[in-house]
Protein backbone atom coordinates (compact mmCIF):
# COMPACT_ATOMS: atom_id res chain seq x y z
CA MET A 1 31.94 7.73 16.60
CA ASN A 2 28.31 7.72 17.68
CA ILE A 3 26.91 4.17 17.40
CA LEU A 4 23.77 5.35 15.58
CA LEU A 5 25.85 7.25 13.04
CA PHE A 6 28.02 4.19 12.53
CA ILE A 7 24.99 1.96 11.95
CA SER A 8 23.50 4.52 9.56
CA ILE A 9 26.72 4.59 7.54
CA LEU A 10 26.77 0.79 7.34
CA ILE A 11 23.15 0.73 6.14
CA LEU A 12 23.85 3.36 3.48
CA LEU A 13 26.94 1.51 2.31
CA GLY A 14 25.01 -1.76 2.10
CA LEU A 15 22.20 -0.05 0.21
CA SER A 16 24.63 1.57 -2.22
CA VAL A 17 26.37 -1.73 -2.92
CA TRP A 18 23.04 -3.50 -3.50
CA LEU A 19 21.75 -0.77 -5.84
CA LEU A 20 24.97 -0.80 -7.84
CA TYR A 21 25.10 -4.58 -8.07
CA SER A 22 21.42 -4.93 -8.91
CA ARG A 23 21.87 -2.66 -11.95
CA TYR A 24 23.62 -5.60 -13.59
CA GLN A 25 21.86 -8.56 -11.97
CA THR A 26 18.26 -9.77 -11.90
CA LEU A 27 17.91 -9.79 -8.13
CA PRO A 28 14.73 -9.27 -6.10
CA CYS A 29 14.74 -6.58 -3.44
CA PRO A 30 16.03 -8.38 -0.31
CA ALA A 31 13.68 -8.62 2.66
CA TRP A 32 15.96 -6.45 4.83
CA LEU A 33 15.38 -3.61 2.35
CA SER A 34 11.62 -4.08 2.24
CA TRP A 35 11.13 -0.64 3.79
CA MET A 36 12.21 0.80 0.43
CA VAL A 37 9.14 -0.62 -1.29
CA GLU A 38 6.70 -0.23 1.60
CA MET A 39 5.71 3.35 0.78
CA ASP A 40 4.21 5.15 -2.19
CA ASN A 41 6.71 7.42 -3.92
CA PRO A 42 5.43 10.91 -3.03
CA PHE A 43 6.73 12.39 -6.29
CA ILE A 44 5.38 9.77 -8.70
CA LYS A 45 1.57 9.56 -8.66
CA VAL A 46 1.36 6.56 -10.99
CA HIS A 47 3.31 4.55 -8.39
CA HIS A 48 0.72 5.04 -5.63
CA ALA A 49 -1.02 1.81 -4.62
CA SER A 50 -4.44 3.46 -4.71
CA ILE A 51 -3.86 4.73 -8.27
CA ILE A 52 -2.61 1.35 -9.54
CA ILE A 53 -5.65 -0.39 -8.05
CA TYR A 54 -8.07 2.27 -9.32
CA ASN A 55 -6.77 1.93 -12.88
CA LEU A 56 -7.27 -1.84 -12.74
CA ASP A 57 -11.04 -1.43 -12.36
CA ILE A 58 -11.21 -3.97 -9.53
CA ALA A 59 -14.63 -5.28 -8.48
CA PRO A 60 -15.56 -7.13 -5.28
CA GLY A 61 -15.39 -10.89 -5.71
CA MET A 62 -12.61 -10.90 -8.28
CA LYS A 63 -9.52 -13.07 -8.00
CA VAL A 64 -6.17 -11.28 -8.35
CA VAL A 65 -2.54 -12.40 -8.27
CA ASP A 66 -0.01 -9.93 -6.88
CA ALA A 67 3.10 -11.33 -8.55
CA GLY A 68 6.28 -10.40 -6.72
CA CYS A 69 4.18 -8.97 -3.91
CA GLY A 70 7.11 -8.04 -1.66
CA PRO A 71 5.96 -6.82 1.76
CA GLY A 72 2.38 -6.33 0.53
CA ARG A 73 2.11 -2.65 -0.42
CA LEU A 74 -0.52 -3.63 -3.01
CA THR A 75 -1.68 -6.93 -1.50
CA ILE A 76 -3.36 -5.48 1.58
CA PRO A 77 -5.39 -2.71 -0.13
CA LEU A 78 -6.30 -5.18 -2.88
CA ALA A 79 -7.68 -7.61 -0.32
CA HIS A 80 -9.75 -4.81 1.23
CA LYS A 81 -11.09 -3.79 -2.18
CA LEU A 82 -12.02 -7.35 -3.23
CA GLY A 83 -13.96 -8.08 -0.07
CA PRO A 84 -14.62 -11.44 1.59
CA LEU A 85 -15.86 -13.07 -1.63
CA GLY A 86 -12.73 -12.07 -3.55
CA GLU A 87 -9.21 -13.40 -3.23
CA VAL A 88 -5.63 -12.20 -3.61
CA VAL A 89 -2.82 -14.64 -4.24
CA ALA A 90 0.37 -13.10 -2.85
CA LEU A 91 3.21 -14.63 -4.82
CA ASP A 92 6.85 -14.04 -3.96
CA ILE A 93 10.11 -15.95 -4.17
CA GLN A 94 11.14 -14.86 -0.66
CA GLU A 95 9.53 -16.48 2.36
CA GLU A 96 10.42 -13.43 4.47
CA MET A 97 8.31 -11.18 2.27
CA LEU A 98 5.31 -13.47 2.50
CA THR A 99 5.69 -13.53 6.28
CA LYS A 100 5.53 -9.74 6.34
CA VAL A 101 2.32 -9.78 4.29
CA ALA A 102 0.76 -12.43 6.53
CA LYS A 103 1.49 -10.38 9.66
CA LYS A 104 -0.10 -7.29 8.11
CA ALA A 105 -3.16 -9.28 7.07
CA GLN A 106 -3.53 -10.68 10.58
CA ILE A 107 -3.35 -7.21 12.15
CA VAL A 108 -6.21 -5.89 9.99
CA ASN A 109 -8.16 -9.17 10.15
CA LEU A 110 -8.03 -10.04 6.45
CA HIS A 111 -8.73 -13.66 5.50
CA ASN A 112 -8.95 -13.49 1.70
CA ILE A 113 -5.22 -13.71 0.95
CA GLN A 114 -3.54 -16.91 -0.20
CA PHE A 115 0.24 -17.22 -0.10
CA LEU A 116 2.43 -18.85 -2.74
CA LYS A 117 6.21 -19.05 -2.44
CA ALA A 118 7.45 -19.31 -6.02
CA GLY A 119 9.30 -17.52 -8.73
CA ILE A 120 7.20 -16.02 -11.52
CA GLY A 121 7.58 -18.28 -14.52
CA GLU A 122 8.03 -21.51 -12.56
CA GLY A 123 4.57 -22.70 -13.64
CA LYS A 124 2.99 -22.71 -10.16
CA LEU A 125 -0.13 -20.76 -11.16
CA GLN A 126 -3.16 -22.63 -12.46
CA HIS A 127 -4.55 -21.67 -15.86
CA ASN A 128 -7.60 -19.41 -16.34
CA GLN A 129 -7.94 -18.57 -12.66
CA PHE A 130 -7.48 -14.81 -12.32
CA ASP A 131 -9.37 -11.69 -13.35
CA ARG A 132 -6.38 -9.43 -12.76
CA ALA A 133 -2.60 -9.72 -12.24
CA LEU A 134 -0.02 -7.20 -11.08
CA LEU A 135 3.71 -6.76 -11.62
CA VAL A 136 4.78 -3.62 -9.78
CA THR A 137 8.47 -2.79 -10.37
CA VAL A 138 9.16 -6.53 -10.60
CA LEU A 139 9.62 -7.39 -14.28
CA GLY A 140 13.30 -6.44 -14.39
CA GLU A 141 14.05 -8.72 -11.43
CA ILE A 142 12.88 -11.82 -13.28
CA PRO A 143 15.61 -13.88 -15.02
CA ASN A 144 13.27 -15.40 -17.63
CA GLN A 145 10.83 -12.64 -18.45
CA ALA A 146 9.29 -14.49 -21.39
CA SER A 147 8.35 -17.48 -19.22
CA ALA A 148 7.02 -15.19 -16.49
CA LEU A 149 4.69 -13.28 -18.82
CA LYS A 150 3.53 -16.48 -20.50
CA GLU A 151 2.63 -17.96 -17.11
CA LEU A 152 0.66 -14.84 -16.19
CA PHE A 153 -1.06 -14.87 -19.59
CA ASP A 154 -2.13 -18.49 -19.08
CA ALA A 155 -3.20 -17.82 -15.48
CA LEU A 156 -5.57 -15.02 -16.49
CA LYS A 157 -9.12 -15.66 -17.61
CA SER A 158 -10.21 -14.59 -21.09
CA GLY A 159 -10.43 -10.81 -20.99
CA GLY A 160 -8.25 -10.65 -17.88
CA ILE A 161 -5.87 -7.74 -17.31
CA LEU A 162 -2.19 -7.65 -16.37
CA SER A 163 -0.97 -4.37 -14.84
CA ILE A 164 2.76 -3.65 -15.13
CA THR A 165 4.20 -0.63 -13.31
CA GLU A 166 7.73 0.66 -13.92
CA ILE A 167 9.55 3.73 -12.56
CA ILE A 168 12.95 5.03 -13.61
CA LEU A 169 14.16 5.17 -9.98
CA ASP A 170 14.03 1.38 -9.80
CA PRO A 171 17.44 -0.17 -10.63
CA HIS A 172 15.65 -2.79 -12.77
CA PHE A 173 13.57 -0.28 -14.73
CA GLN A 174 12.05 -1.60 -17.98
CA SER A 175 11.09 0.80 -20.76
CA LYS A 176 7.63 0.96 -22.34
CA SER A 177 8.94 -0.53 -25.57
CA THR A 178 10.54 -3.45 -23.73
CA VAL A 179 7.40 -4.17 -21.70
CA LEU A 180 5.18 -4.03 -24.78
CA ARG A 181 7.49 -6.23 -26.83
CA LEU A 182 7.62 -8.91 -24.13
CA ALA A 183 3.88 -8.69 -23.50
CA LYS A 184 2.94 -9.04 -27.17
CA THR A 185 5.22 -12.07 -27.49
CA ALA A 186 3.32 -13.68 -24.61
CA GLY A 187 -0.01 -13.02 -26.35
CA PHE A 188 -1.17 -9.82 -24.62
CA ARG A 189 -2.47 -6.74 -26.36
CA GLU A 190 -2.15 -3.22 -24.96
CA LYS A 191 -5.35 -1.89 -23.41
CA ASN A 192 -4.18 1.35 -21.83
CA CYS A 193 -1.14 3.14 -20.43
CA PHE A 194 -0.95 5.73 -17.66
CA GLY A 195 1.97 8.01 -16.87
CA GLY A 196 4.94 9.07 -18.94
CA ARG A 197 8.13 7.67 -20.37
CA PHE A 198 9.94 7.20 -17.07
CA ALA A 199 7.06 6.24 -14.78
CA PHE A 200 4.07 4.35 -16.11
CA THR A 201 1.49 1.65 -15.59
CA MET A 202 0.64 -0.39 -18.66
CA LEU A 203 -2.57 -2.42 -18.80
CA LEU A 204 -2.33 -5.52 -20.96
CA GLU A 205 -5.33 -7.63 -21.90
CA LYS A 206 -5.67 -11.33 -22.61
CA PRO A 207 -7.93 -11.33 -25.69
CA GLN A 208 -11.56 -12.25 -25.04
CA ASP A 209 -11.53 -15.15 -27.47
CA LEU A 210 -8.71 -16.99 -25.69
């Protein structure tokens, strides 16, 4: 058997096993599969990094946390958008993912990214620090979703926005009703929602008076 064909079969088998297993477990995408989340899905517009960032109404100088940043599909364009006076905190539980983001930032000469190795919900984010927060196909990977959303709520400034993106192709897909229920429990209120039932970005606001 051709060695390349053999390697391809092994990769596909490993991918299939991970996808099947992750349907029933709250597991982050492993670093060796980071290529799966590196690209925009060509068939789902709401998943595109540029669309997610556009809908967040980002302004230069803001401070944003990319929670569960993975290999930095959102982190790098966010850092460009925020400019030298802004800042992105790339948060991920896997050191390998943060290393990938750091290498990308170095290549394009970006210096406004801070790196934080932590799980969302561990209480590592300071309160009232961020204008925006993102969870892009990450919520279903978090064991304690209530703690995670409460930490993000506390980390946002009054009037800050959390953007949650979910697509049905993700093995950890969370429905609109689930996202909204969890978010309201944490104290958020719905500001807007883009997309449909099976692929959407929901914007959730921390009330101005908090």
